[in-house]
Protein backbone atom coordinates (compact mmCIF):
# COMPACT_ATOMS: atom_id res chain seq x y z
CA MET A 1 0.00 0.00 0.00
CA SER A 2 1.28 3.46 -0.83
CA THR A 3 0.06 6.89 -1.88
CA PRO A 4 1.63 9.46 -4.22
CA HIS A 5 3.43 10.98 -1.23
CA ILE A 6 3.86 8.16 1.32
CA ASN A 7 5.51 4.80 0.60
CA ALA A 8 4.64 3.10 3.89
CA LYS A 9 2.94 -0.28 3.98
CA ASP A 10 -0.46 -1.02 5.46
CA GLY A 11 -0.16 -1.03 9.25
CA ASP A 12 3.15 0.85 9.33
CA PHE A 13 1.59 3.89 11.01
CA ALA A 14 0.31 3.99 14.56
CA LYS A 15 -3.11 5.45 15.36
CA VAL A 16 -1.42 8.60 16.69
CA VAL A 17 1.07 10.65 14.68
CA LEU A 18 3.24 13.51 15.93
CA MET A 19 3.85 15.93 13.07
CA PRO A 20 6.69 18.46 13.10
CA GLY A 21 7.32 20.46 9.96
CA ASP A 22 11.01 19.67 9.56
CA PRO A 23 12.05 16.16 8.37
CA LEU A 24 15.25 16.38 10.41
CA ARG A 25 13.21 17.20 13.49
CA ALA A 26 11.10 14.10 12.86
CA LYS A 27 14.29 12.06 12.61
CA TRP A 28 15.66 13.59 15.83
CA ILE A 29 12.41 12.88 17.72
CA ALA A 30 12.33 9.25 16.57
CA GLU A 31 15.98 8.62 17.39
CA THR A 32 15.81 10.44 20.74
CA TYR A 33 12.44 9.41 22.16
CA LEU A 34 11.27 6.20 20.49
CA LYS A 35 12.44 2.64 21.03
CA GLU A 36 12.69 0.32 18.03
CA ALA A 37 12.03 3.29 15.74
CA LYS A 38 11.52 2.17 12.15
CA LEU A 39 11.65 4.42 9.08
CA VAL A 40 8.36 3.72 7.30
CA SER A 41 8.32 6.44 4.62
CA ASP A 42 10.86 8.74 2.98
CA VAL A 43 9.23 10.03 -0.21
CA ARG A 44 10.65 13.46 -1.13
CA GLY A 45 12.79 13.38 1.99
CA ILE A 46 9.72 13.60 4.24
CA TYR A 47 10.67 11.11 6.93
CA ALA A 48 8.14 9.06 8.89
CA TYR A 49 8.96 6.71 11.75
CA THR A 50 7.01 4.37 14.01
CA GLY A 51 8.23 3.12 17.35
CA LEU A 52 7.47 2.68 21.03
CA THR A 53 7.49 5.28 23.77
CA LYS A 54 9.30 4.58 27.04
CA ASN A 55 5.94 3.32 28.35
CA GLY A 56 5.53 0.90 25.45
CA LYS A 57 2.90 2.89 23.54
CA ARG A 58 3.13 2.67 19.75
CA ILE A 59 3.18 6.08 18.04
CA SER A 60 4.46 7.54 14.79
CA VAL A 61 6.23 10.76 13.90
CA MET A 62 6.18 12.26 10.42
CA ALA A 63 7.20 15.60 8.94
CA SER A 64 4.60 17.79 7.23
CA GLY A 65 6.78 20.16 5.25
CA MET A 66 5.90 23.86 5.24
CA GLY A 67 2.54 25.45 4.54
CA GLN A 68 -1.09 24.42 4.34
CA PRO A 69 -0.96 22.68 0.94
CA SER A 70 1.82 20.42 2.23
CA ILE A 71 0.29 19.43 5.57
CA GLY A 72 -3.11 19.17 3.88
CA ILE A 73 -1.77 16.45 1.58
CA TYR A 74 -0.02 14.44 4.29
CA CYS A 75 -2.75 14.54 6.92
CA HIS A 76 -5.39 13.67 4.28
CA GLU A 77 -3.44 10.59 3.21
CA LEU A 78 -2.73 9.56 6.82
CA PHE A 79 -6.38 9.92 7.83
CA CYS A 80 -7.89 8.37 4.71
CA GLU A 81 -5.38 5.73 3.60
CA TYR A 82 -3.49 4.66 6.74
CA GLY A 83 -6.17 4.63 9.43
CA VAL A 84 -4.58 7.36 11.55
CA GLU A 85 -7.03 8.69 14.12
CA THR A 86 -5.07 11.50 15.80
CA ILE A 87 -2.47 13.99 14.57
CA ILE A 88 -0.63 16.30 16.94
CA ARG A 89 1.27 19.00 15.10
CA ILE A 90 4.38 20.04 17.03
CA GLY A 91 5.85 23.19 15.56
CA THR A 92 7.38 26.58 16.12
CA CYS A 93 5.81 30.01 15.92
CA GLY A 94 6.35 33.72 16.30
CA THR A 95 4.28 35.36 19.00
CA TYR A 96 2.36 38.62 18.59
CA GLN A 97 1.79 39.17 22.32
CA GLU A 98 4.18 40.81 24.83
CA ASP A 99 3.31 38.45 27.69
CA ILE A 100 4.36 35.34 25.74
CA HIS A 101 8.07 34.52 25.85
CA LEU A 102 10.60 32.44 23.94
CA PHE A 103 10.13 28.69 24.48
CA ASP A 104 6.69 29.08 26.07
CA ILE A 105 4.21 26.49 24.79
CA ILE A 106 1.03 27.45 22.95
CA LEU A 107 -1.97 25.20 22.36
CA ALA A 108 -3.80 26.39 19.26
CA THR A 109 -7.43 25.93 20.26
CA SER A 110 -8.41 27.58 16.98
CA ALA A 111 -6.72 28.81 13.83
CA SER A 112 -7.42 31.82 11.63
CA THR A 113 -5.93 32.16 8.17
CA ASP A 114 -5.16 34.63 5.40
CA SER A 115 -5.21 31.78 2.88
CA ASN A 116 -7.85 30.80 0.32
CA TRP A 117 -7.13 27.10 1.01
CA ILE A 118 -10.65 26.57 2.38
CA TYR A 119 -12.30 27.41 -0.95
CA GLN A 120 -11.88 23.83 -2.16
CA TYR A 121 -14.83 23.07 0.16
CA ASP A 122 -16.96 25.78 -1.47
CA VAL A 123 -17.45 27.89 1.65
CA PRO A 124 -16.27 31.51 2.05
CA GLN A 125 -15.08 31.11 5.65
CA TYR A 126 -14.67 28.39 8.26
CA SER A 127 -13.75 28.52 11.95
CA ALA A 128 -11.14 25.80 12.39
CA GLY A 129 -10.60 24.39 15.87
CA SER A 130 -8.77 21.64 17.72
CA ASP A 131 -10.34 18.52 19.20
CA PHE A 132 -11.61 19.25 22.72
CA GLU A 133 -10.61 15.99 24.44
CA LEU A 134 -7.15 16.09 22.88
CA THR A 135 -6.70 19.72 23.92
CA LYS A 136 -7.93 19.01 27.44
CA VAL A 137 -5.46 16.16 27.94
CA ALA A 138 -2.60 18.19 26.48
CA SER A 139 -3.39 21.12 28.76
CA GLU A 140 -3.36 18.86 31.83
CA VAL A 141 -0.09 17.27 30.74
CA ILE A 142 1.68 20.58 30.11
CA THR A 143 0.53 22.26 33.32
CA GLY A 144 1.24 19.07 35.25
CA ARG A 145 4.82 19.22 34.02
CA GLY A 146 5.12 22.78 35.33
CA GLU A 147 5.54 24.36 31.90
CA THR A 148 4.26 27.80 30.89
CA LEU A 149 1.14 27.32 28.77
CA HIS A 150 -0.92 29.67 26.63
CA ALA A 151 -4.04 28.61 24.73
CA GLY A 152 -6.00 30.42 22.06
CA ASN A 153 -6.21 31.48 18.46
CA VAL A 154 -3.22 31.39 16.10
CA LEU A 155 -2.79 32.60 12.53
CA SER A 156 -1.94 30.10 9.81
CA ALA A 157 -0.30 32.36 7.27
CA ASP A 158 0.59 31.73 3.64
CA VAL A 159 3.41 34.29 3.60
CA PHE A 160 6.61 34.04 5.64
CA TYR A 161 8.40 37.16 4.38
CA ASP A 162 5.56 39.68 4.37
CA PRO A 163 6.47 42.94 2.57
CA ASP A 164 4.05 44.75 4.90
CA THR A 165 6.09 44.73 8.08
CA GLU A 166 3.19 46.13 10.13
CA TYR A 167 0.55 43.65 8.92
CA TRP A 168 0.92 41.44 11.99
CA LYS A 169 -0.41 44.19 14.26
CA LYS A 170 -3.90 43.73 12.82
CA TRP A 171 -3.91 40.15 14.12
CA LYS A 172 -2.38 41.16 17.44
CA ARG A 173 -5.28 43.58 17.95
CA LEU A 174 -7.69 40.66 17.63
CA GLY A 175 -5.87 38.74 20.35
CA VAL A 176 -4.19 36.23 18.04
CA LEU A 177 -1.38 34.64 20.03
CA ALA A 178 1.08 33.71 17.32
CA VAL A 179 1.69 32.98 13.66
CA GLU A 180 2.63 29.69 12.00
CA MET A 181 1.74 28.12 8.65
CA GLU A 182 -0.09 24.79 9.00
CA SER A 183 -2.73 24.43 11.72
CA TYR A 184 -5.74 25.69 9.79
CA ALA A 185 -5.46 23.03 7.09
CA LEU A 186 -4.83 20.29 9.66
CA TYR A 187 -7.95 21.25 11.60
CA VAL A 188 -10.11 21.42 8.49
CA GLU A 189 -8.96 18.00 7.27
CA ALA A 190 -9.56 16.50 10.71
CA ALA A 191 -13.06 17.96 10.78
CA VAL A 192 -13.89 16.64 7.31
CA GLN A 193 -12.63 13.15 8.15
CA HIS A 194 -14.03 13.14 11.72
CA LYS A 195 -10.59 12.68 13.30
CA ARG A 196 -8.72 14.31 16.19
CA ALA A 197 -6.15 17.07 15.71
CA LEU A 198 -4.22 19.53 17.85
CA THR A 199 -1.31 21.91 17.37
CA MET A 200 1.33 22.45 20.05
CA LEU A 201 3.74 25.29 19.35
CA THR A 202 6.99 26.42 20.89
CA VAL A 203 7.65 30.16 20.62
CA THR A 204 10.88 30.83 18.74
CA ASP A 205 10.32 34.48 17.71
CA ASN A 206 8.71 37.62 19.15
CA PHE A 207 7.32 40.22 16.76
CA ASN A 208 7.40 42.89 19.49
CA ASP A 209 11.18 42.51 19.83
CA ARG A 210 12.84 41.07 16.73
CA SER A 211 16.09 40.52 18.66
CA LYS A 212 14.36 37.73 20.58
CA LYS A 213 14.60 34.63 18.41
CA ALA A 214 15.85 31.08 18.64
CA THR A 215 18.83 29.92 16.64
CA SER A 216 18.42 27.40 13.80
CA GLU A 217 19.90 24.70 16.05
CA GLU A 218 17.44 25.51 18.84
CA ARG A 219 14.57 25.38 16.32
CA GLN A 220 15.57 21.85 15.33
CA THR A 221 16.50 20.23 18.62
CA GLY A 222 15.78 22.71 21.43
CA LEU A 223 12.11 21.88 21.70
CA SER A 224 12.32 19.10 24.25
CA LYS A 225 9.64 20.40 26.62
CA MET A 226 7.00 20.45 23.91
CA VAL A 227 8.03 17.13 22.40
CA GLU A 228 7.95 15.33 25.74
CA ALA A 229 4.53 16.82 26.51
CA ALA A 230 3.26 15.80 23.07
CA ILE A 231 4.45 12.23 23.55
CA GLU A 232 2.79 12.00 26.95
CA THR A 233 -0.42 13.37 25.43
CA ALA A 234 -0.20 10.94 22.50
CA GLU A 235 0.12 7.99 24.88
CA ASN A 236 -3.42 8.71 26.10
CA PHE A 237 -4.78 8.13 22.58
CA ALA A 238 -2.44 5.39 21.34
């Protein structure tokens, strides 16, 4: 069994998939946190692994690439072709709010977008949100671990290098916590397929002070708090 973008066999994926954007981050998570981790897909350099957590729970980790078209393809194929029931996106973001700091964790309870990606479903707008039970468990896990948690709306943007350097302030005014590029499409696909989805984000940039940003190395491997919380959350649904 395979799809145009995944060359895994039937049964290679667990019911729960952690989904970072970066393929190297997926590789690092599998090699660092999973026992008996097996590479199950590598089409286009998008790595996917399945293994066991320290508590013996079977989970998978797979990269999504960048942007809504990319994650929309992968989560659709995982939900529809491989029997995946839950996807937890684990990514990075830039915060719009002064009271959110580098390496704080954000749970995206909902996602706004400046994209026209939703028009494939022939609706002008759609309010995309995370699964309640998944969000509730993740919140309890993160606070139970003593980590700083924020929860709320994020922006899934199509543009990374926006020529309008003040555009972000419009979203800040509406209370949007941070910007990233994938959650909206993930939440829509999960809703359409009646599956569970949640985005956990680690803050790596602050739009209020551009000097506050994580290094490229920290973006790849310095996200341990979020990853460990995501794995503990995933174990509840594995």
